[in-house]
C-alpha atoms as a PDB file:
ATOM      1  CA  MET A   1     120.122 307.737  65.626  1.00  0.00           C
ATOM      2  CA  THR A   2     122.245 305.096  67.314  1.00  0.00           C
ATOM      3  CA  TYR A   3     124.564 305.832  70.195  1.00  0.00           C
ATOM      4  CA  GLY A   4     128.082 306.698  69.140  1.00  0.00           C
ATOM      5  CA  SER A   5     127.291 307.618  65.580  1.00  0.00           C
ATOM      6  CA  ASP A   6     126.614 311.320  66.104  1.00  0.00           C
ATOM      7  CA  PRO A   7     129.450 313.751  65.423  1.00  0.00           C
ATOM      8  CA  PHE A   8     129.943 314.737  69.012  1.00  0.00           C
ATOM      9  CA  SER A   9     130.768 311.189  70.016  1.00  0.00           C
ATOM     10  CA  ILE A  10     133.198 310.797  67.178  1.00  0.00           C
ATOM     11  CA  VAL A  11     134.928 314.062  68.124  1.00  0.00           C
ATOM     12  CA  LEU A  12     135.036 312.912  71.790  1.00  0.00           C
ATOM     13  CA  VAL A  13     136.647 309.521  70.916  1.00  0.00           C
ATOM     14  CA  VAL A  14     139.180 311.071  68.583  1.00  0.00           C
ATOM     15  CA  GLY A  15     140.034 313.665  71.240  1.00  0.00           C
ATOM     16  CA  ALA A  16     140.520 310.972  73.840  1.00  0.00           C
ATOM     17  CA  LEU A  17     142.779 309.016  71.580  1.00  0.00           C
ATOM     18  CA  ALA A  18     144.795 312.171  70.686  1.00  0.00           C
ATOM     19  CA  PHE A  19     145.173 312.914  74.336  1.00  0.00           C
ATOM     20  CA  VAL A  20     146.443 309.427  75.256  1.00  0.00           C
ATOM     21  CA  TYR A  21     148.895 309.487  72.266  1.00  0.00           C
ATOM     22  CA  LEU A  22     150.301 312.862  73.235  1.00  0.00           C
ATOM     23  CA  TYR A  23     150.537 311.999  76.980  1.00  0.00           C
ATOM     24  CA  ASP A  24     152.487 308.836  76.050  1.00  0.00           C
ATOM     25  CA  ARG A  25     154.702 310.700  73.652  1.00  0.00           C
ATOM     26  CA  PHE A  26     155.583 313.770  75.769  1.00  0.00           C
ATOM     27  CA  VAL A  27     154.613 313.263  79.336  1.00  0.00           C
ATOM     28  CA  ALA A  28     154.784 309.693  80.336  1.00  0.00           C
ATOM     29  CA  GLU A  29     158.384 308.617  81.320  1.00  0.00           C
ATOM     30  CA  ASP A  30     159.768 305.408  79.803  1.00  0.00           C
ATOM     31  CA  GLU A  31     161.799 303.304  82.129  1.00  0.00           C
ATOM     32  CA  PRO A  32     165.482 303.368  81.076  1.00  0.00           C
ATOM     33  CA  GLU A  33     167.111 300.366  79.657  1.00  0.00           C
ATOM     34  CA  GLU A  34     168.080 297.748  82.265  1.00  0.00           C
ATOM     35  CA  GLY A  35     171.705 297.591  83.185  1.00  0.00           C
ATOM     36  CA  THR A  36     172.392 301.199  82.698  1.00  0.00           C
ATOM     37  CA  VAL A  37     173.211 303.952  85.286  1.00  0.00           C
ATOM     38  CA  GLU A  38     169.923 305.681  84.314  1.00  0.00           C
ATOM     39  CA  HIS A  39     167.976 302.503  85.109  1.00  0.00           C
ATOM     40  CA  ALA A  40     169.625 302.121  88.548  1.00  0.00           C
ATOM     41  CA  GLU A  41     168.945 305.831  89.220  1.00  0.00           C
ATOM     42  CA  HIS A  42     165.403 305.393  88.286  1.00  0.00           C
ATOM     43  CA  LEU A  43     164.862 302.396  90.547  1.00  0.00           C
ATOM     44  CA  TRP A  44     166.476 304.204  93.416  1.00  0.00           C
ATOM     45  CA  LYS A  45     164.534 307.426  93.010  1.00  0.00           C
ATOM     46  CA  THR A  46     161.316 305.591  92.851  1.00  0.00           C
ATOM     47  CA  ASN A  47     162.198 303.592  95.955  1.00  0.00           C
ATOM     48  CA  GLN A  48     162.390 300.208  94.261  1.00  0.00           C
ATOM     49  CA  ILE A  49     165.784 299.396  95.523  1.00  0.00           C
ATOM     50  CA  PRO A  50     167.966 300.614  98.473  1.00  0.00           C
ATOM     51  CA  MET A  51     170.979 302.729  98.225  1.00  0.00           C
ATOM     52  CA  ALA A  52     173.451 299.837  98.485  1.00  0.00           C
ATOM     53  CA  GLU A  53     171.730 298.097  95.552  1.00  0.00           C
ATOM     54  CA  TYR A  54     171.770 301.314  93.603  1.00  0.00           C
ATOM     55  CA  GLU A  55     175.604 301.714  94.182  1.00  0.00           C
ATOM     56  CA  ARG A  56     176.171 298.099  93.089  1.00  0.00           C
ATOM     57  CA  ARG A  57     174.205 298.529  89.951  1.00  0.00           C
ATOM     58  CA  VAL A  58     175.972 301.844  89.119  1.00  0.00           C
ATOM     59  CA  GLU A  59     179.296 300.111  89.601  1.00  0.00           C
ATOM     60  CA  GLN A  60     178.390 297.235  87.279  1.00  0.00           C
ATOM     61  CA  ALA A  61     177.126 299.597  84.700  1.00  0.00           C
ATOM     62  CA  VAL A  62     180.345 301.461  84.477  1.00  0.00           C
ATOM     63  CA  ASP A  63     182.631 298.436  85.110  1.00  0.00           C
ATOM     64  CA  ASP A  64     184.702 297.514  82.034  1.00  0.00           C
ATOM     65  CA  ARG A  65     184.702 293.879  82.895  1.00  0.00           C
ATOM     66  CA  HIS A  66     181.017 293.863  83.153  1.00  0.00           C
ATOM     67  CA  GLN A  67     180.883 295.512  79.759  1.00  0.00           C
ATOM     68  CA  GLN A  68     183.180 293.039  78.310  1.00  0.00           C
ATOM     69  CA  ILE A  69     180.929 290.022  79.524  1.00  0.00           C
ATOM     70  CA  LEU A  70     177.894 291.869  78.024  1.00  0.00           C
ATOM     71  CA  THR A  71     179.551 292.448  74.667  1.00  0.00           C
ATOM     72  CA  VAL A  72     180.862 288.892  74.459  1.00  0.00           C
ATOM     73  CA  THR A  73     177.738 287.173  75.489  1.00  0.00           C
ATOM     74  CA  GLN A  74     175.407 289.145  73.181  1.00  0.00           C
ATOM     75  CA  SER A  75     177.496 287.834  70.405  1.00  0.00           C
ATOM     76  CA  VAL A  76     176.420 284.328  71.195  1.00  0.00           C
ATOM     77  CA  ASN A  77     173.421 282.999  69.121  1.00  0.00           C
ATOM     78  CA  ASP A  78     170.144 282.842  71.106  1.00  0.00           C
ATOM     79  CA  ILE A  79     171.348 285.278  73.856  1.00  0.00           C
ATOM     80  CA  GLY A  80     169.563 288.478  74.235  1.00  0.00           C
ATOM     81  CA  PRO A  81     170.217 291.413  76.384  1.00  0.00           C
ATOM     82  CA  LYS A  82     168.425 290.203  79.500  1.00  0.00           C
ATOM     83  CA  THR A  83     170.415 286.908  79.546  1.00  0.00           C
ATOM     84  CA  ALA A  84     173.650 288.761  78.764  1.00  0.00           C
ATOM     85  CA  ARG A  85     172.986 291.126  81.744  1.00  0.00           C
ATOM     86  CA  ALA A  86     172.242 288.040  84.008  1.00  0.00           C
ATOM     87  CA  LEU A  87     175.602 286.565  83.006  1.00  0.00           C
ATOM     88  CA  ALA A  88     177.376 289.845  83.559  1.00  0.00           C
ATOM     89  CA  ARG A  89     175.832 290.098  87.079  1.00  0.00           C
ATOM     90  CA  GLU A  90     176.854 286.509  87.979  1.00  0.00           C
ATOM     91  CA  PHE A  91     180.533 286.684  86.855  1.00  0.00           C
ATOM     92  CA  GLU A  92     183.245 289.015  87.787  1.00  0.00           C
ATOM     93  CA  SER A  93     185.203 288.672  84.585  1.00  0.00           C
ATOM     94  CA  LEU A  94     185.369 286.869  81.178  1.00  0.00           C
ATOM     95  CA  ASP A  95     188.040 284.628  82.696  1.00  0.00           C
ATOM     96  CA  GLU A  96     185.576 283.520  85.493  1.00  0.00           C
ATOM     97  CA  LEU A  97     182.971 282.841  82.850  1.00  0.00           C
ATOM     98  CA  HIS A  98     185.387 280.640  80.836  1.00  0.00           C
ATOM     99  CA  ARG A  99     186.258 278.670  84.016  1.00  0.00           C
ATOM    100  CA  ALA A 100     182.615 278.189  85.054  1.00  0.00           C
ATOM    101  CA  ASP A 101     181.114 274.771  84.951  1.00  0.00           C
ATOM    102  CA  ARG A 102     177.987 274.036  83.115  1.00  0.00           C
ATOM    103  CA  GLU A 103     175.874 273.750  86.225  1.00  0.00           C
ATOM    104  CA  ARG A 104     176.714 277.243  87.376  1.00  0.00           C
ATOM    105  CA  ILE A 105     175.857 278.682  83.932  1.00  0.00           C
ATOM    106  CA  GLU A 106     172.450 276.670  83.821  1.00  0.00           C
ATOM    107  CA  ALA A 107     171.620 277.848  87.347  1.00  0.00           C
ATOM    108  CA  ILE A 108     171.286 281.450  86.060  1.00  0.00           C
ATOM    109  CA  HIS A 109     167.671 282.392  85.497  1.00  0.00           C
ATOM    110  CA  GLY A 110     166.793 282.204  81.767  1.00  0.00           C
ATOM    111  CA  ILE A 111     169.570 279.752  80.797  1.00  0.00           C
ATOM    112  CA  GLY A 112     168.637 276.318  79.854  1.00  0.00           C
ATOM    113  CA  PRO A 113     170.620 273.458  78.263  1.00  0.00           C
ATOM    114  CA  SER A 114     170.501 274.750  74.736  1.00  0.00           C
ATOM    115  CA  THR A 115     171.635 278.286  75.793  1.00  0.00           C
ATOM    116  CA  ALA A 116     174.361 276.758  77.963  1.00  0.00           C
ATOM    117  CA  ASP A 117     175.493 274.687  74.886  1.00  0.00           C
ATOM    118  CA  ALA A 118     175.647 277.875  72.733  1.00  0.00           C
ATOM    119  CA  ILE A 119     177.714 279.712  75.502  1.00  0.00           C
ATOM    120  CA  GLU A 120     180.152 276.754  75.883  1.00  0.00           C
ATOM    121  CA  GLU A 121     180.557 276.408  72.074  1.00  0.00           C
ATOM    122  CA  TYR A 122     181.158 280.181  71.639  1.00  0.00           C
ATOM    123  CA  LEU A 123     183.575 280.426  74.535  1.00  0.00           C
ATOM    124  CA  ASN A 124     185.636 277.321  73.281  1.00  0.00           C
ATOM    125  CA  GLN A 125     186.237 278.714  69.790  1.00  0.00           C
END
């Protein structure tokens, strides 16, 4: 008999896989979506950010202007949630985003020339 082909080894492997699945499903905590109050709270409770940063992130998460920027920028082709959140963190309002020059937009992490083009085109419609 070769190692691993006996019924006990098979039951042991299946049991281990079942344990991992059940742990991930019911015990392990998924990190909340970035940009939400829950995410800020998670980061603060796990000592990843100080209280001042926690308060700033909560304020952004509930700020209507922040939400407007997120909504508008996610409508732009090639912009995903992370880039939209980066834009919302950078600008105080949609008006400020409209007035921003290309260099300021491209200076944001994750935004290159093609994404800046898409943003300019969308905002100038």
